[in-house]
Amino acid sequence: MLKDNHGRTINYLRLAVTDRCNLRCFYCMPEQGNNWLARTELLSWEEMLRLCRLTIGMGVNKIRITGGEPFVRKGIMPFLSELSQIKGLDNLTITTNGVVTAPLVPELKQMGIRSVNLSLDTLDRDRFLAITHRDEFDKVIETMHALISHRIEVKINAVVMDGKNTQDIPALVALTKELPVSVRFIEEMPFNGGGQHYQTLLWDHMQILQTIKNSHPKIAKIPDPQYSTSYNYKIPGHKGDVGIIAAYTRSFCGTCNRIRLTPQGVLKTCLYDNGGTNLKDILRSGANDEAVSSAIVAALATKAIDGHEAERTTYADGAHQSMAMIGG
């Protein structure tokens, strides 16, 4: 099993397959957009499969596919099909914005995809347009219902942003009454798409929870699964449940079991770390599997204890990459 320098087992890989996206959410991308990576700068599908096989052989049994938006990259479905068949991979999940996903749901189900995270910050069409700068609300809702109808677990990720969508909290919670979905409210990251750093956060975990309690005073804490990044709650009589992810306060870091691989092949041991090990360069240098595996082990030997330490030691100038470049 992979272990970091703090004795934590690492069994979860978040793989960003592209930096590109068909939405332009302000908290994820700079207003002017990213300088998109050239195709040659991206890991090829073959390189990704090699790295996945290696990490699975080292103890990783869960892989989440992220982006950017994964389904905008040509060739994603054959890649997912091949990845899903690797022995030792117990859990293959996807995070998507849902814009082009609905027609692909039957094939995802056939591959064995059991869970999908759907990014949806509002149930109001006008606010959706204001946040994403694209009029694609109906397609996202279509994807949600397609996933539910195919009995794929749906986790709705909503970033809570002061002055943008806090009025949507009750409506999103209401989804859990009749639908078997988990709605997870995410504290806004300590930086936005343009790299600006926030010194304070108005809508933290406790503020979000209190807002839900105002309408649902009987909401109750339920056990959190091992390695969960969310604090989970249940409202009596609701089919679904609610989670709150403390992305700003980072109170979940102590049990971190994950590593990240960016579209350009940089292995990041923490979301808040500005550094990383360039596995793409190692692969393309002709290194054998043993050398690549050694590089992964070496990277984990310097993993920060939590996001605060990682940010403090690598972002001295306060600047951050956009989330689309990091991998969600």
Protein backbone atom coordinates (compact mmCIF):
# COMPACT_ATOMS: atom_id res chain seq x y z
CA MET A 1 0.00 0.00 0.00
CA LEU A 2 1.08 3.56 -0.70
CA LYS A 3 1.80 5.56 2.45
CA ASP A 4 2.70 9.20 2.91
CA ASN A 5 5.23 10.57 5.36
CA HIS A 6 2.51 10.90 8.00
CA GLY A 7 1.57 7.22 7.84
CA ARG A 8 -1.65 7.79 5.92
CA THR A 9 -2.72 5.22 3.35
CA ILE A 10 -3.10 6.66 -0.16
CA ASN A 11 -5.68 4.74 -2.19
CA TYR A 12 -7.47 7.46 -4.17
CA LEU A 13 -6.33 9.18 -7.38
CA ARG A 14 -8.07 12.22 -8.84
CA LEU A 15 -7.15 12.33 -12.52
CA ALA A 16 -7.81 15.53 -14.50
CA VAL A 17 -7.96 14.57 -18.16
CA THR A 18 -8.23 18.09 -19.61
CA ASP A 19 -7.94 21.74 -18.62
CA ARG A 20 -10.73 22.75 -20.99
CA CYS A 21 -14.36 23.34 -20.10
CA ASN A 22 -17.56 24.33 -21.87
CA LEU A 23 -18.62 26.57 -18.96
CA ARG A 24 -16.87 29.67 -17.63
CA CYS A 25 -17.62 29.65 -13.90
CA PHE A 26 -15.94 32.72 -12.41
CA TYR A 27 -14.68 30.88 -9.30
CA CYS A 28 -12.92 28.26 -11.42
CA MET A 29 -11.52 30.16 -14.38
CA PRO A 30 -10.03 33.63 -14.83
CA GLU A 31 -12.38 36.07 -16.57
CA GLN A 32 -10.21 36.11 -19.67
CA GLY A 33 -10.03 32.31 -19.69
CA ASN A 34 -7.04 30.01 -19.44
CA ASN A 35 -4.20 29.77 -21.86
CA TRP A 36 -5.20 26.29 -23.03
CA LEU A 37 -2.55 23.63 -23.05
CA ALA A 38 -1.36 22.36 -26.41
CA ARG A 39 -2.22 18.73 -27.13
CA THR A 40 1.44 17.73 -26.80
CA GLU A 41 1.52 19.21 -23.27
CA LEU A 42 -1.31 16.93 -22.13
CA LEU A 43 -0.85 13.37 -21.01
CA SER A 44 -1.97 11.06 -23.80
CA TRP A 45 -4.67 8.49 -23.08
CA GLU A 46 -1.99 5.80 -23.23
CA GLU A 47 0.18 7.65 -20.69
CA MET A 48 -2.80 8.08 -18.38
CA LEU A 49 -3.63 4.38 -18.59
CA ARG A 50 0.00 3.50 -17.80
CA LEU A 51 0.00 5.74 -14.74
CA CYS A 52 -3.36 4.40 -13.61
CA ARG A 53 -2.14 0.81 -13.91
CA LEU A 54 0.98 1.70 -11.95
CA THR A 55 -0.87 3.44 -9.13
CA ILE A 56 -3.49 0.67 -8.96
CA GLY A 57 -0.64 -1.80 -8.63
CA MET A 58 0.66 0.31 -5.74
CA GLY A 59 -2.64 0.23 -3.86
CA VAL A 60 -4.92 2.82 -5.42
CA ASN A 61 -8.42 1.33 -5.74
CA LYS A 62 -10.48 4.46 -6.43
CA ILE A 63 -10.04 6.86 -9.34
CA ARG A 64 -12.11 9.97 -9.97
CA ILE A 65 -12.02 11.51 -13.44
CA THR A 66 -12.13 15.32 -13.41
CA GLY A 67 -11.17 18.26 -15.60
CA GLY A 68 -11.86 20.95 -16.73
CA GLU A 69 -14.87 19.13 -18.08
CA PRO A 70 -13.82 15.53 -18.86
CA PHE A 71 -16.40 14.94 -21.58
CA VAL A 72 -15.12 17.73 -23.83
CA ARG A 73 -11.92 15.78 -24.55
CA LYS A 74 -12.17 13.57 -27.62
CA GLY A 75 -11.62 9.91 -26.84
CA ILE A 76 -12.85 10.01 -23.25
CA MET A 77 -15.36 7.16 -23.59
CA PRO A 78 -12.92 4.53 -24.98
CA PHE A 79 -10.48 5.61 -22.27
CA LEU A 80 -13.07 5.16 -19.53
CA SER A 81 -14.03 1.77 -20.93
CA GLU A 82 -10.43 0.53 -20.85
CA LEU A 83 -9.75 2.08 -17.45
CA SER A 84 -12.85 0.45 -15.94
CA GLN A 85 -11.51 -2.99 -16.83
CA ILE A 86 -8.19 -2.70 -14.97
CA LYS A 87 -8.05 -5.35 -12.27
CA GLY A 88 -7.81 -3.87 -8.78
CA LEU A 89 -9.81 -0.73 -9.54
CA ASP A 90 -12.87 -1.04 -7.30
CA ASN A 91 -14.41 2.38 -7.76
CA LEU A 92 -14.34 4.57 -10.88
CA THR A 93 -16.22 7.84 -10.51
CA ILE A 94 -16.58 11.03 -12.53
CA THR A 95 -17.11 14.72 -11.84
CA THR A 96 -18.94 16.54 -14.65
CA ASN A 97 -20.85 19.76 -15.23
CA GLY A 98 -23.48 17.73 -17.08
CA VAL A 99 -23.69 19.88 -20.21
CA VAL A 100 -22.93 17.07 -22.70
CA THR A 101 -23.25 14.08 -20.38
CA ALA A 102 -26.90 13.01 -20.65
CA PRO A 103 -26.59 11.01 -23.92
CA LEU A 104 -23.59 9.14 -22.49
CA VAL A 105 -25.28 7.95 -19.30
CA PRO A 106 -26.42 4.51 -20.63
CA GLU A 107 -22.85 3.73 -21.72
CA LEU A 108 -21.45 4.92 -18.40
CA LYS A 109 -23.86 2.60 -16.62
CA GLN A 110 -22.77 -0.30 -18.83
CA MET A 111 -19.13 0.37 -17.91
CA GLY A 112 -19.96 -0.02 -14.25
CA ILE A 113 -19.86 3.65 -13.24
CA ARG A 114 -21.84 3.70 -9.99
CA SER A 115 -21.43 7.32 -8.87
CA VAL A 116 -21.20 10.71 -10.57
CA ASN A 117 -20.62 14.13 -9.04
CA LEU A 118 -22.66 16.77 -10.85
CA SER A 119 -21.63 20.41 -10.49
CA LEU A 120 -24.74 22.56 -10.04
CA ASP A 121 -24.53 25.78 -8.04
CA THR A 122 -28.09 26.99 -8.52
CA LEU A 123 -31.56 25.88 -9.60
CA ASP A 124 -32.35 29.32 -11.02
CA ARG A 125 -31.78 29.68 -14.76
CA ASP A 126 -30.72 33.34 -14.59
CA ARG A 127 -28.26 32.75 -11.76
CA PHE A 128 -26.90 29.72 -13.61
CA LEU A 129 -26.16 31.97 -16.59
CA ALA A 130 -24.59 34.62 -14.37
CA ILE A 131 -22.31 32.09 -12.65
CA THR A 132 -21.34 29.96 -15.67
CA HIS A 133 -21.65 32.54 -18.48
CA ARG A 134 -23.42 29.85 -20.53
CA ASP A 135 -27.16 29.14 -21.01
CA GLU A 136 -26.96 25.37 -20.46
CA PHE A 137 -29.16 24.88 -17.39
CA ASP A 138 -31.67 22.54 -19.06
CA LYS A 139 -28.94 20.16 -20.24
CA VAL A 140 -27.53 19.85 -16.72
CA ILE A 141 -30.96 19.04 -15.28
CA GLU A 142 -31.45 16.48 -18.07
CA THR A 143 -28.20 14.81 -17.04
CA MET A 144 -29.29 14.70 -13.40
CA HIS A 145 -32.52 12.91 -14.26
CA ALA A 146 -30.76 10.56 -16.69
CA LEU A 147 -28.31 9.51 -13.97
CA ILE A 148 -31.12 8.95 -11.48
CA SER A 149 -33.17 6.93 -13.95
CA HIS A 150 -30.17 4.66 -14.61
CA ARG A 151 -29.67 4.23 -10.85
CA ILE A 152 -26.28 5.89 -10.81
CA GLU A 153 -25.60 7.58 -7.48
CA VAL A 154 -25.78 11.36 -7.89
CA LYS A 155 -23.87 13.81 -5.73
CA ILE A 156 -24.65 17.43 -6.55
CA ASN A 157 -21.77 19.79 -5.81
CA ALA A 158 -22.78 23.39 -5.11
CA VAL A 159 -20.17 26.01 -4.25
CA VAL A 160 -21.70 28.49 -1.80
CA MET A 161 -20.78 32.05 -2.78
CA ASP A 162 -21.76 35.18 -0.87
CA GLY A 163 -23.90 37.46 -3.01
CA LYS A 164 -24.18 34.88 -5.79
CA ASN A 165 -26.26 31.86 -4.82
CA THR A 166 -26.85 31.65 -1.07
CA GLN A 167 -30.57 32.06 -1.72
CA ASP A 168 -30.43 28.71 -3.55
CA ILE A 169 -29.54 26.70 -0.44
CA PRO A 170 -33.18 25.92 0.49
CA ALA A 171 -34.11 24.95 -3.08
CA LEU A 172 -31.13 22.64 -3.42
CA VAL A 173 -31.90 21.04 -0.05
CA ALA A 174 -35.50 20.53 -1.25
CA LEU A 175 -34.19 18.30 -4.06
CA THR A 176 -33.36 15.67 -1.44
CA LYS A 177 -37.01 15.32 -0.38
CA GLU A 178 -38.21 13.45 -3.47
CA LEU A 179 -34.96 12.56 -5.22
CA PRO A 180 -32.32 10.05 -4.02
CA VAL A 181 -29.49 12.55 -4.38
CA SER A 182 -26.80 13.84 -2.06
CA VAL A 183 -26.52 17.63 -2.20
CA ARG A 184 -23.10 18.77 -1.00
CA PHE A 185 -22.53 22.43 -0.26
CA ILE A 186 -18.90 23.43 -0.69
CA GLU A 187 -17.23 26.30 1.11
CA GLU A 188 -15.75 28.63 -1.47
CA MET A 189 -12.05 28.01 -1.96
CA PRO A 190 -9.56 30.49 -0.46
CA PHE A 191 -8.86 31.71 -3.99
CA ASN A 192 -10.96 32.38 -7.06
CA GLY A 193 -10.34 31.71 -10.74
CA GLY A 194 -8.13 34.75 -11.13
CA GLY A 195 -5.90 33.88 -8.21
CA GLN A 196 -7.27 36.46 -5.77
CA HIS A 197 -6.96 35.26 -2.18
CA TYR A 198 -9.84 35.64 0.27
CA GLN A 199 -8.83 36.51 3.83
CA THR A 200 -12.23 35.72 5.37
CA LEU A 201 -15.18 33.50 4.53
CA LEU A 202 -18.72 34.52 5.39
CA TRP A 203 -20.39 31.27 4.33
CA ASP A 204 -18.48 28.63 6.20
CA HIS A 205 -19.68 25.18 7.28
CA MET A 206 -21.56 26.45 10.35
CA GLN A 207 -23.27 29.29 8.47
CA ILE A 208 -24.43 26.92 5.75
CA LEU A 209 -25.70 24.42 8.31
CA GLN A 210 -27.55 27.08 10.28
CA THR A 211 -29.28 28.26 7.10
CA ILE A 212 -30.50 24.72 6.47
CA LYS A 213 -31.59 24.34 10.10
CA ASN A 214 -33.73 27.47 9.81
CA SER A 215 -36.01 25.54 7.43
CA HIS A 216 -35.31 22.02 8.69
CA PRO A 217 -34.70 22.15 12.44
CA LYS A 218 -34.82 18.34 12.70
CA ILE A 219 -31.85 17.84 10.36
CA ALA A 220 -29.53 15.34 12.04
CA LYS A 221 -25.88 14.42 11.73
CA ILE A 222 -25.27 10.98 10.22
CA PRO A 223 -22.01 8.98 10.23
CA ASP A 224 -19.40 10.10 7.72
CA PRO A 225 -17.86 7.38 5.54
CA GLN A 226 -14.14 6.74 5.98
CA TYR A 227 -12.05 9.45 4.27
CA SER A 228 -15.16 11.58 3.69
CA THR A 229 -14.47 15.23 2.86
CA SER A 230 -18.06 16.15 3.74
CA TYR A 231 -19.93 16.39 7.02
CA ASN A 232 -23.16 14.54 6.29
CA TYR A 233 -26.71 15.16 7.46
CA LYS A 234 -30.18 13.70 6.98
CA ILE A 235 -33.57 15.38 7.09
CA PRO A 236 -36.31 13.03 8.33
CA GLY A 237 -38.58 11.90 5.51
CA HIS A 238 -36.18 12.92 2.73
CA LYS A 239 -35.00 10.34 0.19
CA GLY A 240 -31.62 12.00 -0.21
CA ASP A 241 -29.14 13.62 2.15
CA VAL A 242 -27.05 16.74 2.59
CA GLY A 243 -23.31 17.21 2.96
CA ILE A 244 -21.10 20.21 3.68
CA ILE A 245 -17.50 20.27 2.45
CA ALA A 246 -15.15 22.55 4.37
CA ALA A 247 -12.94 23.46 1.40
CA TYR A 248 -11.84 26.76 2.94
CA THR A 249 -11.37 25.74 6.56
CA ARG A 250 -9.95 22.36 5.47
CA SER A 251 -10.97 20.47 8.57
CA PHE A 252 -11.02 17.20 6.59
CA CYS A 253 -7.30 17.23 5.74
CA GLY A 254 -6.17 15.03 8.62
CA THR A 255 -7.47 11.85 6.99
CA CYS A 256 -6.37 12.67 3.44
CA ASN A 257 -6.03 9.55 1.29
CA ARG A 258 -5.65 11.12 -2.13
CA ILE A 259 -3.25 12.28 -4.77
CA ARG A 260 -3.96 14.33 -7.88
CA LEU A 261 -2.69 14.17 -11.42
CA THR A 262 -3.08 17.30 -13.56
CA PRO A 263 -3.76 17.23 -17.32
CA GLN A 264 -0.09 18.00 -17.96
CA GLY A 265 1.02 15.07 -15.83
CA VAL A 266 2.04 16.82 -12.63
CA LEU A 267 1.50 14.70 -9.53
CA LYS A 268 0.18 16.88 -6.69
CA THR A 269 0.02 15.48 -3.19
CA CYS A 270 -2.31 18.31 -2.07
CA LEU A 271 -4.87 20.50 -3.81
CA TYR A 272 -3.36 23.57 -2.15
CA ASP A 273 0.21 22.75 -3.19
CA ASN A 274 1.70 24.85 -5.98
CA GLY A 275 4.44 22.31 -6.65
CA GLY A 276 4.41 18.73 -7.81
CA THR A 277 6.34 15.99 -9.57
CA ASN A 278 6.18 16.03 -13.36
CA LEU A 279 5.45 12.38 -14.19
CA LYS A 280 4.90 13.21 -17.84
CA ASP A 281 8.52 14.28 -18.23
CA ILE A 282 9.64 11.14 -16.43
CA LEU A 283 7.53 8.95 -18.71
CA ARG A 284 8.74 10.67 -21.85
CA SER A 285 12.36 10.36 -20.78
CA GLY A 286 12.00 6.61 -21.32
CA ALA A 287 11.87 5.70 -17.64
CA ASN A 288 10.71 2.20 -16.77
CA ASP A 289 7.81 1.47 -14.42
CA GLU A 290 10.10 1.05 -11.43
CA ALA A 291 11.53 4.54 -11.89
CA VAL A 292 8.07 6.08 -12.25
CA SER A 293 6.85 4.25 -9.15
CA SER A 294 9.88 5.47 -7.21
CA ALA A 295 9.07 9.06 -8.20
CA ILE A 296 5.53 8.64 -6.84
CA VAL A 297 6.82 7.22 -3.57
CA ALA A 298 9.33 10.06 -3.28
CA ALA A 299 6.60 12.66 -3.81
CA LEU A 300 4.54 11.18 -0.99
CA ALA A 301 7.54 11.38 1.33
CA THR A 302 7.10 15.18 1.40
CA LYS A 303 3.28 15.42 1.53
CA ALA A 304 2.04 18.29 3.71
CA ILE A 305 0.11 17.40 6.85
CA ASP A 306 -2.80 19.55 5.64
CA GLY A 307 -3.82 22.19 3.12
CA HIS A 308 -2.78 25.05 5.35
CA GLU A 309 0.81 23.82 5.48
CA ALA A 310 0.87 23.18 1.73
CA GLU A 311 -0.47 26.63 0.93
CA ARG A 312 1.81 28.36 3.42
CA THR A 313 4.96 26.76 2.04
CA THR A 314 4.24 26.97 -1.70
CA TYR A 315 2.14 30.09 -2.27
CA ALA A 316 4.33 32.74 -0.73
CA ASP A 317 3.16 35.32 -3.28
CA GLY A 318 -0.55 34.56 -2.72
CA ALA A 319 -1.13 33.60 -6.37
CA HIS A 320 -2.97 30.41 -7.25
CA GLN A 321 -3.63 28.41 -10.37
CA SER A 322 -7.20 28.23 -11.58
CA MET A 323 -9.18 25.17 -10.52
CA ALA A 324 -9.50 24.11 -14.16
CA MET A 325 -5.72 23.77 -14.33
CA ILE A 326 -5.43 21.97 -10.99
CA GLY A 327 -8.17 19.44 -11.57
CA GLY A 328 -11.15 20.22 -9.36
